Every structure is written in C-alpha cells, then in structure tokens.
Full PDB file with SEQRES, HELIX, SHEET, SSBOND, CRYST1, ORIGX, SCALE, CONECT and MASTER records, all heavy atoms in Angstrom:
SEQRES   1 A   30  ALA LEU ALA GLN GLN SER TRP ARG ARG PRO ALA ASP VAL          
SEQRES   2 A   30  ALA LEU ARG GLN THR ILE GLY ARG LEU GLY ARG GLU GLY          
SEQRES   3 A   30  GLU GLN GLN MET                                              
HELIX    1 AA1 LEU A    2  SER A    6  1                                   5    
HELIX    2 AA2 VAL A   13  GLN A   29  1                                  17    
CRYST1    1.000    1.000    1.000  90.00  90.00  90.00 P 1           1          
ORIGX1      1.000000  0.000000  0.000000        0.00000                         
ORIGX2      0.000000  1.000000  0.000000        0.00000                         
ORIGX3      0.000000  0.000000  1.000000        0.00000                         
SCALE1      1.000000  0.000000  0.000000        0.00000                         
SCALE2      0.000000  1.000000  0.000000        0.00000                         
SCALE3      0.000000  0.000000  1.000000        0.00000                         
ATOM      1  N   ALA A   1     -20.624   6.534 -10.118  1.00  0.00           N  
ATOM      2  CA  ALA A   1     -20.038   5.903 -11.306  1.00  0.00           C  
ATOM      3  C   ALA A   1     -19.809   6.936 -12.414  1.00  0.00           C  
ATOM      4  O   ALA A   1     -18.778   6.903 -13.109  1.00  0.00           O  
ATOM      5  CB  ALA A   1     -20.951   4.787 -11.802  1.00  0.00           C  
ATOM      6  N   LEU A   2     -20.752   7.856 -12.587  1.00  0.00           N  
ATOM      7  CA  LEU A   2     -20.584   8.907 -13.586  1.00  0.00           C  
ATOM      8  C   LEU A   2     -19.345   9.748 -13.294  1.00  0.00           C  
ATOM      9  O   LEU A   2     -18.555  10.064 -14.198  1.00  0.00           O  
ATOM     10  CB  LEU A   2     -21.834   9.800 -13.609  1.00  0.00           C  
ATOM     11  CG  LEU A   2     -23.086   9.205 -14.252  1.00  0.00           C  
ATOM     12  CD1 LEU A   2     -24.301  10.052 -13.917  1.00  0.00           C  
ATOM     13  CD2 LEU A   2     -22.912   9.090 -15.767  1.00  0.00           C  
ATOM     14  N   ALA A   3     -19.177  10.118 -12.038  1.00  0.00           N  
ATOM     15  CA  ALA A   3     -18.022  10.933 -11.667  1.00  0.00           C  
ATOM     16  C   ALA A   3     -16.721  10.171 -11.848  1.00  0.00           C  
ATOM     17  O   ALA A   3     -15.723  10.716 -12.341  1.00  0.00           O  
ATOM     18  CB  ALA A   3     -18.179  11.415 -10.226  1.00  0.00           C  
ATOM     19  N   GLN A   4     -16.700   8.904 -11.453  1.00  0.00           N  
ATOM     20  CA  GLN A   4     -15.484   8.101 -11.589  1.00  0.00           C  
ATOM     21  C   GLN A   4     -15.074   7.960 -13.058  1.00  0.00           C  
ATOM     22  O   GLN A   4     -13.899   8.089 -13.402  1.00  0.00           O  
ATOM     23  CB  GLN A   4     -15.701   6.724 -10.970  1.00  0.00           C  
ATOM     24  CG  GLN A   4     -15.733   6.737  -9.449  1.00  0.00           C  
ATOM     25  CD  GLN A   4     -16.112   5.389  -8.863  1.00  0.00           C  
ATOM     26  OE1 GLN A   4     -16.829   4.600  -9.485  1.00  0.00           O  
ATOM     27  NE2 GLN A   4     -15.657   5.125  -7.650  1.00  0.00           N  
ATOM     28  N   GLN A   5     -16.040   7.685 -13.919  1.00  0.00           N  
ATOM     29  CA  GLN A   5     -15.744   7.487 -15.333  1.00  0.00           C  
ATOM     30  C   GLN A   5     -15.352   8.782 -16.035  1.00  0.00           C  
ATOM     31  O   GLN A   5     -14.665   8.754 -17.052  1.00  0.00           O  
ATOM     32  CB  GLN A   5     -16.957   6.870 -16.034  1.00  0.00           C  
ATOM     33  CG  GLN A   5     -17.245   5.438 -15.653  1.00  0.00           C  
ATOM     34  CD  GLN A   5     -16.131   4.495 -16.053  1.00  0.00           C  
ATOM     35  OE1 GLN A   5     -15.549   4.613 -17.128  1.00  0.00           O  
ATOM     36  NE2 GLN A   5     -15.817   3.544 -15.176  1.00  0.00           N  
ATOM     37  N   SER A   6     -15.803   9.924 -15.479  1.00  0.00           N  
ATOM     38  CA  SER A   6     -15.572  11.214 -16.136  1.00  0.00           C  
ATOM     39  C   SER A   6     -14.357  11.959 -15.608  1.00  0.00           C  
ATOM     40  O   SER A   6     -13.972  12.989 -16.177  1.00  0.00           O  
ATOM     41  CB  SER A   6     -16.808  12.108 -15.949  1.00  0.00           C  
ATOM     42  OG  SER A   6     -17.970  11.486 -16.449  1.00  0.00           O  
ATOM     43  N   TRP A   7     -13.743  11.462 -14.556  1.00  0.00           N  
ATOM     44  CA  TRP A   7     -12.714  12.229 -13.846  1.00  0.00           C  
ATOM     45  C   TRP A   7     -11.577  12.639 -14.778  1.00  0.00           C  
ATOM     46  O   TRP A   7     -10.878  11.813 -15.348  1.00  0.00           O  
ATOM     47  CB  TRP A   7     -12.166  11.419 -12.676  1.00  0.00           C  
ATOM     48  CG  TRP A   7     -11.420  12.296 -11.699  1.00  0.00           C  
ATOM     49  CD1 TRP A   7     -10.077  12.467 -11.620  1.00  0.00           C  
ATOM     50  CD2 TRP A   7     -11.999  13.137 -10.699  1.00  0.00           C  
ATOM     51  NE1 TRP A   7      -9.761  13.361 -10.628  1.00  0.00           N  
ATOM     52  CE2 TRP A   7     -10.929  13.792 -10.042  1.00  0.00           C  
ATOM     53  CE3 TRP A   7     -13.297  13.399 -10.298  1.00  0.00           C  
ATOM     54  CZ2 TRP A   7     -11.135  14.700  -9.002  1.00  0.00           C  
ATOM     55  CZ3 TRP A   7     -13.507  14.292  -9.263  1.00  0.00           C  
ATOM     56  CH2 TRP A   7     -12.430  14.933  -8.620  1.00  0.00           C  
ATOM     57  N   ARG A   8     -11.443  13.957 -14.968  1.00  0.00           N  
ATOM     58  CA  ARG A   8     -10.378  14.578 -15.777  1.00  0.00           C  
ATOM     59  C   ARG A   8     -10.304  14.025 -17.204  1.00  0.00           C  
ATOM     60  O   ARG A   8      -9.246  14.032 -17.839  1.00  0.00           O  
ATOM     61  CB  ARG A   8      -9.014  14.445 -15.083  1.00  0.00           C  
ATOM     62  CG  ARG A   8      -8.947  15.215 -13.763  1.00  0.00           C  
ATOM     63  CD  ARG A   8      -7.525  15.351 -13.252  1.00  0.00           C  
ATOM     64  NE  ARG A   8      -7.454  16.057 -11.992  1.00  0.00           N  
ATOM     65  CZ  ARG A   8      -7.483  17.388 -11.861  1.00  0.00           C  
ATOM     66  NH1 ARG A   8      -7.588  18.149 -12.937  1.00  0.00           N  
ATOM     67  NH2 ARG A   8      -7.420  17.944 -10.669  1.00  0.00           N  
ATOM     68  N   ARG A   9     -11.446  13.605 -17.740  1.00  0.00           N  
ATOM     69  CA  ARG A   9     -11.486  13.137 -19.126  1.00  0.00           C  
ATOM     70  C   ARG A   9     -12.028  14.240 -20.027  1.00  0.00           C  
ATOM     71  O   ARG A   9     -12.849  15.053 -19.604  1.00  0.00           O  
ATOM     72  CB  ARG A   9     -12.375  11.897 -19.256  1.00  0.00           C  
ATOM     73  CG  ARG A   9     -11.730  10.628 -18.754  1.00  0.00           C  
ATOM     74  CD  ARG A   9     -12.616   9.419 -19.007  1.00  0.00           C  
ATOM     75  NE  ARG A   9     -12.921   9.207 -20.425  1.00  0.00           N  
ATOM     76  CZ  ARG A   9     -13.650   8.194 -20.866  1.00  0.00           C  
ATOM     77  NH1 ARG A   9     -14.165   7.313 -20.011  1.00  0.00           N  
ATOM     78  NH2 ARG A   9     -13.888   8.061 -22.165  1.00  0.00           N  
ATOM     79  N   PRO A  10     -11.620  14.272 -21.297  1.00  0.00           N  
ATOM     80  CA  PRO A  10     -12.170  15.259 -22.232  1.00  0.00           C  
ATOM     81  C   PRO A  10     -13.546  14.828 -22.729  1.00  0.00           C  
ATOM     82  O   PRO A  10     -13.915  13.648 -22.648  1.00  0.00           O  
ATOM     83  CB  PRO A  10     -11.149  15.245 -23.375  1.00  0.00           C  
ATOM     84  CG  PRO A  10     -10.617  13.839 -23.359  1.00  0.00           C  
ATOM     85  CD  PRO A  10     -10.564  13.435 -21.908  1.00  0.00           C  
ATOM     86  N   ALA A  11     -14.293  15.780 -23.244  1.00  0.00           N  
ATOM     87  CA  ALA A  11     -15.595  15.471 -23.830  1.00  0.00           C  
ATOM     88  C   ALA A  11     -15.391  14.812 -25.188  1.00  0.00           C  
ATOM     89  O   ALA A  11     -14.866  15.438 -26.116  1.00  0.00           O  
ATOM     90  CB  ALA A  11     -16.418  16.743 -23.977  1.00  0.00           C  
ATOM     91  N   ASP A  12     -15.744  13.544 -25.300  1.00  0.00           N  
ATOM     92  CA  ASP A  12     -15.674  12.853 -26.583  1.00  0.00           C  
ATOM     93  C   ASP A  12     -16.808  11.841 -26.658  1.00  0.00           C  
ATOM     94  O   ASP A  12     -17.541  11.627 -25.691  1.00  0.00           O  
ATOM     95  CB  ASP A  12     -14.316  12.179 -26.795  1.00  0.00           C  
ATOM     96  CG  ASP A  12     -13.938  11.206 -25.678  1.00  0.00           C  
ATOM     97  OD1 ASP A  12     -14.851  10.645 -25.031  1.00  0.00           O  
ATOM     98  OD2 ASP A  12     -12.736  11.007 -25.442  1.00  0.00           O  
ATOM     99  N   VAL A  13     -16.979  11.234 -27.810  1.00  0.00           N  
ATOM    100  CA  VAL A  13     -18.111  10.333 -28.029  1.00  0.00           C  
ATOM    101  C   VAL A  13     -18.041   9.131 -27.099  1.00  0.00           C  
ATOM    102  O   VAL A  13     -19.065   8.656 -26.600  1.00  0.00           O  
ATOM    103  CB  VAL A  13     -18.158   9.886 -29.503  1.00  0.00           C  
ATOM    104  CG1 VAL A  13     -19.211   8.796 -29.701  1.00  0.00           C  
ATOM    105  CG2 VAL A  13     -18.475  11.077 -30.408  1.00  0.00           C  
ATOM    106  N   ALA A  14     -16.836   8.636 -26.836  1.00  0.00           N  
ATOM    107  CA  ALA A  14     -16.700   7.474 -25.959  1.00  0.00           C  
ATOM    108  C   ALA A  14     -17.221   7.786 -24.564  1.00  0.00           C  
ATOM    109  O   ALA A  14     -17.956   6.992 -23.963  1.00  0.00           O  
ATOM    110  CB  ALA A  14     -15.242   7.026 -25.899  1.00  0.00           C  
ATOM    111  N   LEU A  15     -16.855   8.939 -24.032  1.00  0.00           N  
ATOM    112  CA  LEU A  15     -17.344   9.315 -22.711  1.00  0.00           C  
ATOM    113  C   LEU A  15     -18.851   9.556 -22.751  1.00  0.00           C  
ATOM    114  O   LEU A  15     -19.573   9.140 -21.841  1.00  0.00           O  
ATOM    115  CB  LEU A  15     -16.625  10.572 -22.217  1.00  0.00           C  
ATOM    116  CG  LEU A  15     -17.083  11.092 -20.848  1.00  0.00           C  
ATOM    117  CD1 LEU A  15     -16.913  10.037 -19.768  1.00  0.00           C  
ATOM    118  CD2 LEU A  15     -16.333  12.373 -20.481  1.00  0.00           C  
ATOM    119  N   ARG A  16     -19.331  10.220 -23.797  1.00  0.00           N  
ATOM    120  CA  ARG A  16     -20.771  10.472 -23.914  1.00  0.00           C  
ATOM    121  C   ARG A  16     -21.562   9.162 -23.901  1.00  0.00           C  
ATOM    122  O   ARG A  16     -22.619   9.076 -23.246  1.00  0.00           O  
ATOM    123  CB  ARG A  16     -21.059  11.259 -25.203  1.00  0.00           C  
ATOM    124  CG  ARG A  16     -22.543  11.433 -25.524  1.00  0.00           C  
ATOM    125  CD  ARG A  16     -23.221  12.327 -24.511  1.00  0.00           C  
ATOM    126  NE  ARG A  16     -24.654  12.412 -24.774  1.00  0.00           N  
ATOM    127  CZ  ARG A  16     -25.569  11.584 -24.272  1.00  0.00           C  
ATOM    128  NH1 ARG A  16     -25.187  10.593 -23.466  1.00  0.00           N  
ATOM    129  NH2 ARG A  16     -26.840  11.733 -24.556  1.00  0.00           N  
ATOM    130  N   GLN A  17     -21.070   8.176 -24.587  1.00  0.00           N  
ATOM    131  CA  GLN A  17     -21.786   6.908 -24.637  1.00  0.00           C  
ATOM    132  C   GLN A  17     -21.706   6.172 -23.302  1.00  0.00           C  
ATOM    133  O   GLN A  17     -22.674   5.516 -22.889  1.00  0.00           O  
ATOM    134  CB  GLN A  17     -21.258   6.054 -25.784  1.00  0.00           C  
ATOM    135  CG  GLN A  17     -21.580   6.666 -27.147  1.00  0.00           C  
ATOM    136  CD  GLN A  17     -21.113   5.834 -28.316  1.00  0.00           C  
ATOM    137  OE1 GLN A  17     -20.316   4.909 -28.159  1.00  0.00           O  
ATOM    138  NE2 GLN A  17     -21.583   6.161 -29.513  1.00  0.00           N  
ATOM    139  N   THR A  18     -20.585   6.308 -22.618  1.00  0.00           N  
ATOM    140  CA  THR A  18     -20.471   5.718 -21.281  1.00  0.00           C  
ATOM    141  C   THR A  18     -21.464   6.381 -20.327  1.00  0.00           C  
ATOM    142  O   THR A  18     -22.150   5.702 -19.550  1.00  0.00           O  
ATOM    143  CB  THR A  18     -19.038   5.883 -20.741  1.00  0.00           C  
ATOM    144  OG1 THR A  18     -18.134   5.157 -21.570  1.00  0.00           O  
ATOM    145  CG2 THR A  18     -18.935   5.367 -19.311  1.00  0.00           C  
ATOM    146  N   ILE A  19     -21.548   7.692 -20.386  1.00  0.00           N  
ATOM    147  CA  ILE A  19     -22.478   8.425 -19.533  1.00  0.00           C  
ATOM    148  C   ILE A  19     -23.923   8.033 -19.843  1.00  0.00           C  
ATOM    149  O   ILE A  19     -24.747   7.846 -18.939  1.00  0.00           O  
ATOM    150  CB  ILE A  19     -22.257   9.943 -19.708  1.00  0.00           C  
ATOM    151  CG1 ILE A  19     -20.948  10.339 -19.029  1.00  0.00           C  
ATOM    152  CG2 ILE A  19     -23.424  10.751 -19.142  1.00  0.00           C  
ATOM    153  CD1 ILE A  19     -20.515  11.742 -19.337  1.00  0.00           C  
ATOM    154  N   GLY A  20     -24.225   7.887 -21.131  1.00  0.00           N  
ATOM    155  CA  GLY A  20     -25.566   7.462 -21.505  1.00  0.00           C  
ATOM    156  C   GLY A  20     -25.916   6.089 -20.957  1.00  0.00           C  
ATOM    157  O   GLY A  20     -27.019   5.876 -20.436  1.00  0.00           O  
ATOM    158  N   ARG A  21     -24.974   5.179 -21.061  1.00  0.00           N  
ATOM    159  CA  ARG A  21     -25.217   3.826 -20.541  1.00  0.00           C  
ATOM    160  C   ARG A  21     -25.417   3.850 -19.032  1.00  0.00           C  
ATOM    161  O   ARG A  21     -26.350   3.221 -18.505  1.00  0.00           O  
ATOM    162  CB  ARG A  21     -24.032   2.918 -20.903  1.00  0.00           C  
ATOM    163  CG  ARG A  21     -24.119   1.519 -20.285  1.00  0.00           C  
ATOM    164  CD  ARG A  21     -22.930   0.670 -20.677  1.00  0.00           C  
ATOM    165  NE  ARG A  21     -21.651   1.267 -20.308  1.00  0.00           N  
ATOM    166  CZ  ARG A  21     -21.139   1.231 -19.081  1.00  0.00           C  
ATOM    167  NH1 ARG A  21     -21.803   0.639 -18.082  1.00  0.00           N  
ATOM    168  NH2 ARG A  21     -19.951   1.762 -18.836  1.00  0.00           N  
ATOM    169  N   LEU A  22     -24.567   4.572 -18.320  1.00  0.00           N  
ATOM    170  CA  LEU A  22     -24.694   4.646 -16.868  1.00  0.00           C  
ATOM    171  C   LEU A  22     -26.002   5.322 -16.465  1.00  0.00           C  
ATOM    172  O   LEU A  22     -26.640   4.928 -15.483  1.00  0.00           O  
ATOM    173  CB  LEU A  22     -23.505   5.402 -16.272  1.00  0.00           C  
ATOM    174  CG  LEU A  22     -22.156   4.686 -16.347  1.00  0.00           C  
ATOM    175  CD1 LEU A  22     -21.033   5.615 -15.912  1.00  0.00           C  
ATOM    176  CD2 LEU A  22     -22.170   3.425 -15.490  1.00  0.00           C  
ATOM    177  N   GLY A  23     -26.404   6.334 -17.220  1.00  0.00           N  
ATOM    178  CA  GLY A  23     -27.670   6.992 -16.924  1.00  0.00           C  
ATOM    179  C   GLY A  23     -28.853   6.063 -17.095  1.00  0.00           C  
ATOM    180  O   GLY A  23     -29.782   6.058 -16.268  1.00  0.00           O  
ATOM    181  N   ARG A  24     -28.844   5.260 -18.153  1.00  0.00           N  
ATOM    182  CA  ARG A  24     -29.943   4.305 -18.372  1.00  0.00           C  
ATOM    183  C   ARG A  24     -29.953   3.213 -17.307  1.00  0.00           C  
ATOM    184  O   ARG A  24     -31.019   2.778 -16.852  1.00  0.00           O  
ATOM    185  CB  ARG A  24     -29.833   3.705 -19.781  1.00  0.00           C  
ATOM    186  CG  ARG A  24     -30.161   4.708 -20.879  1.00  0.00           C  
ATOM    187  CD  ARG A  24     -30.201   4.068 -22.251  1.00  0.00           C  
ATOM    188  NE  ARG A  24     -28.888   3.668 -22.725  1.00  0.00           N  
ATOM    189  CZ  ARG A  24     -28.039   4.484 -23.357  1.00  0.00           C  
ATOM    190  NH1 ARG A  24     -28.375   5.748 -23.564  1.00  0.00           N  
ATOM    191  NH2 ARG A  24     -26.872   4.050 -23.786  1.00  0.00           N  
ATOM    192  N   GLU A  25     -28.764   2.787 -16.881  1.00  0.00           N  
ATOM    193  CA  GLU A  25     -28.701   1.822 -15.784  1.00  0.00           C  
ATOM    194  C   GLU A  25     -29.230   2.450 -14.497  1.00  0.00           C  
ATOM    195  O   GLU A  25     -29.915   1.788 -13.703  1.00  0.00           O  
ATOM    196  CB  GLU A  25     -27.257   1.346 -15.594  1.00  0.00           C  
ATOM    197  CG  GLU A  25     -26.767   0.469 -16.736  1.00  0.00           C  
ATOM    198  CD  GLU A  25     -25.276   0.155 -16.631  1.00  0.00           C  
ATOM    199  OE1 GLU A  25     -24.626   0.658 -15.679  1.00  0.00           O  
ATOM    200  OE2 GLU A  25     -24.763  -0.587 -17.497  1.00  0.00           O  
ATOM    201  N   GLY A  26     -28.954   3.743 -14.311  1.00  0.00           N  
ATOM    202  CA  GLY A  26     -29.487   4.457 -13.154  1.00  0.00           C  
ATOM    203  C   GLY A  26     -31.008   4.523 -13.189  1.00  0.00           C  
ATOM    204  O   GLY A  26     -31.665   4.407 -12.146  1.00  0.00           O  
ATOM    205  N   GLU A  27     -31.573   4.733 -14.375  1.00  0.00           N  
ATOM    206  CA  GLU A  27     -33.033   4.740 -14.507  1.00  0.00           C  
ATOM    207  C   GLU A  27     -33.616   3.408 -14.069  1.00  0.00           C  
ATOM    208  O   GLU A  27     -34.656   3.360 -13.393  1.00  0.00           O  
ATOM    209  CB  GLU A  27     -33.427   5.024 -15.951  1.00  0.00           C  
ATOM    210  CG  GLU A  27     -33.288   6.473 -16.367  1.00  0.00           C  
ATOM    211  CD  GLU A  27     -33.851   6.713 -17.760  1.00  0.00           C  
ATOM    212  OE1 GLU A  27     -34.615   5.853 -18.245  1.00  0.00           O  
ATOM    213  OE2 GLU A  27     -33.530   7.756 -18.361  1.00  0.00           O  
ATOM    214  N   GLN A  28     -32.961   2.319 -14.453  1.00  0.00           N  
ATOM    215  CA  GLN A  28     -33.448   0.991 -14.061  1.00  0.00           C  
ATOM    216  C   GLN A  28     -33.388   0.817 -12.546  1.00  0.00           C  
ATOM    217  O   GLN A  28     -34.317   0.259 -11.942  1.00  0.00           O  
ATOM    218  CB  GLN A  28     -32.622  -0.090 -14.764  1.00  0.00           C  
ATOM    219  CG  GLN A  28     -32.799  -0.107 -16.269  1.00  0.00           C  
ATOM    220  CD  GLN A  28     -31.878  -1.093 -16.962  1.00  0.00           C  
ATOM    221  OE1 GLN A  28     -31.012  -1.709 -16.330  1.00  0.00           O  
ATOM    222  NE2 GLN A  28     -32.029  -1.250 -18.267  1.00  0.00           N  
ATOM    223  N   GLN A  29     -32.320   1.299 -11.931  1.00  0.00           N  
ATOM    224  CA  GLN A  29     -32.203   1.220 -10.471  1.00  0.00           C  
ATOM    225  C   GLN A  29     -33.275   2.067  -9.799  1.00  0.00           C  
ATOM    226  O   GLN A  29     -33.867   1.663  -8.792  1.00  0.00           O  
ATOM    227  CB  GLN A  29     -30.806   1.675 -10.037  1.00  0.00           C  
ATOM    228  CG  GLN A  29     -29.692   0.754 -10.495  1.00  0.00           C  
ATOM    229  CD  GLN A  29     -28.311   1.360 -10.318  1.00  0.00           C  
ATOM    230  OE1 GLN A  29     -28.167   2.478  -9.819  1.00  0.00           O  
ATOM    231  NE2 GLN A  29     -27.285   0.633 -10.745  1.00  0.00           N  
ATOM    232  N   MET A  30     -33.537   3.233 -10.365  1.00  0.00           N  
ATOM    233  CA  MET A  30     -34.581   4.104  -9.845  1.00  0.00           C  
ATOM    234  C   MET A  30     -35.941   3.425  -9.938  1.00  0.00           C  
ATOM    235  O   MET A  30     -36.719   3.420  -8.968  1.00  0.00           O  
ATOM    236  CB  MET A  30     -34.601   5.422 -10.627  1.00  0.00           C  
ATOM    237  CG  MET A  30     -35.748   6.358 -10.283  1.00  0.00           C  
ATOM    238  SD  MET A  30     -35.949   7.678 -11.522  1.00  0.00           S  
ATOM    239  CE  MET A  30     -36.702   6.739 -12.877  1.00  0.00           C  
TER     240      MET A  30                                                      
MASTER        0    0    0    2    0    0    0    6  239    1    0    3          
END                                                                             
C-alpha cells in the first residue's frame, strides 16, 4: 500500500500523512 500510494509522487505533506496513516495501520496488523 505504501508503494502504491507513493508511486511517482513528490514529497509533500499529503503524501507524508498518507504514509503515516498506512504505517500506523501496519502496526495494528503487526
């Protein structure tokens, strides 16, 4: 999911927040 959401996107706050959310969801799955 991280790779799909990040594919060829620039570094900006929107992407950073998406990555943070996906990472926290990953922690819950872990």
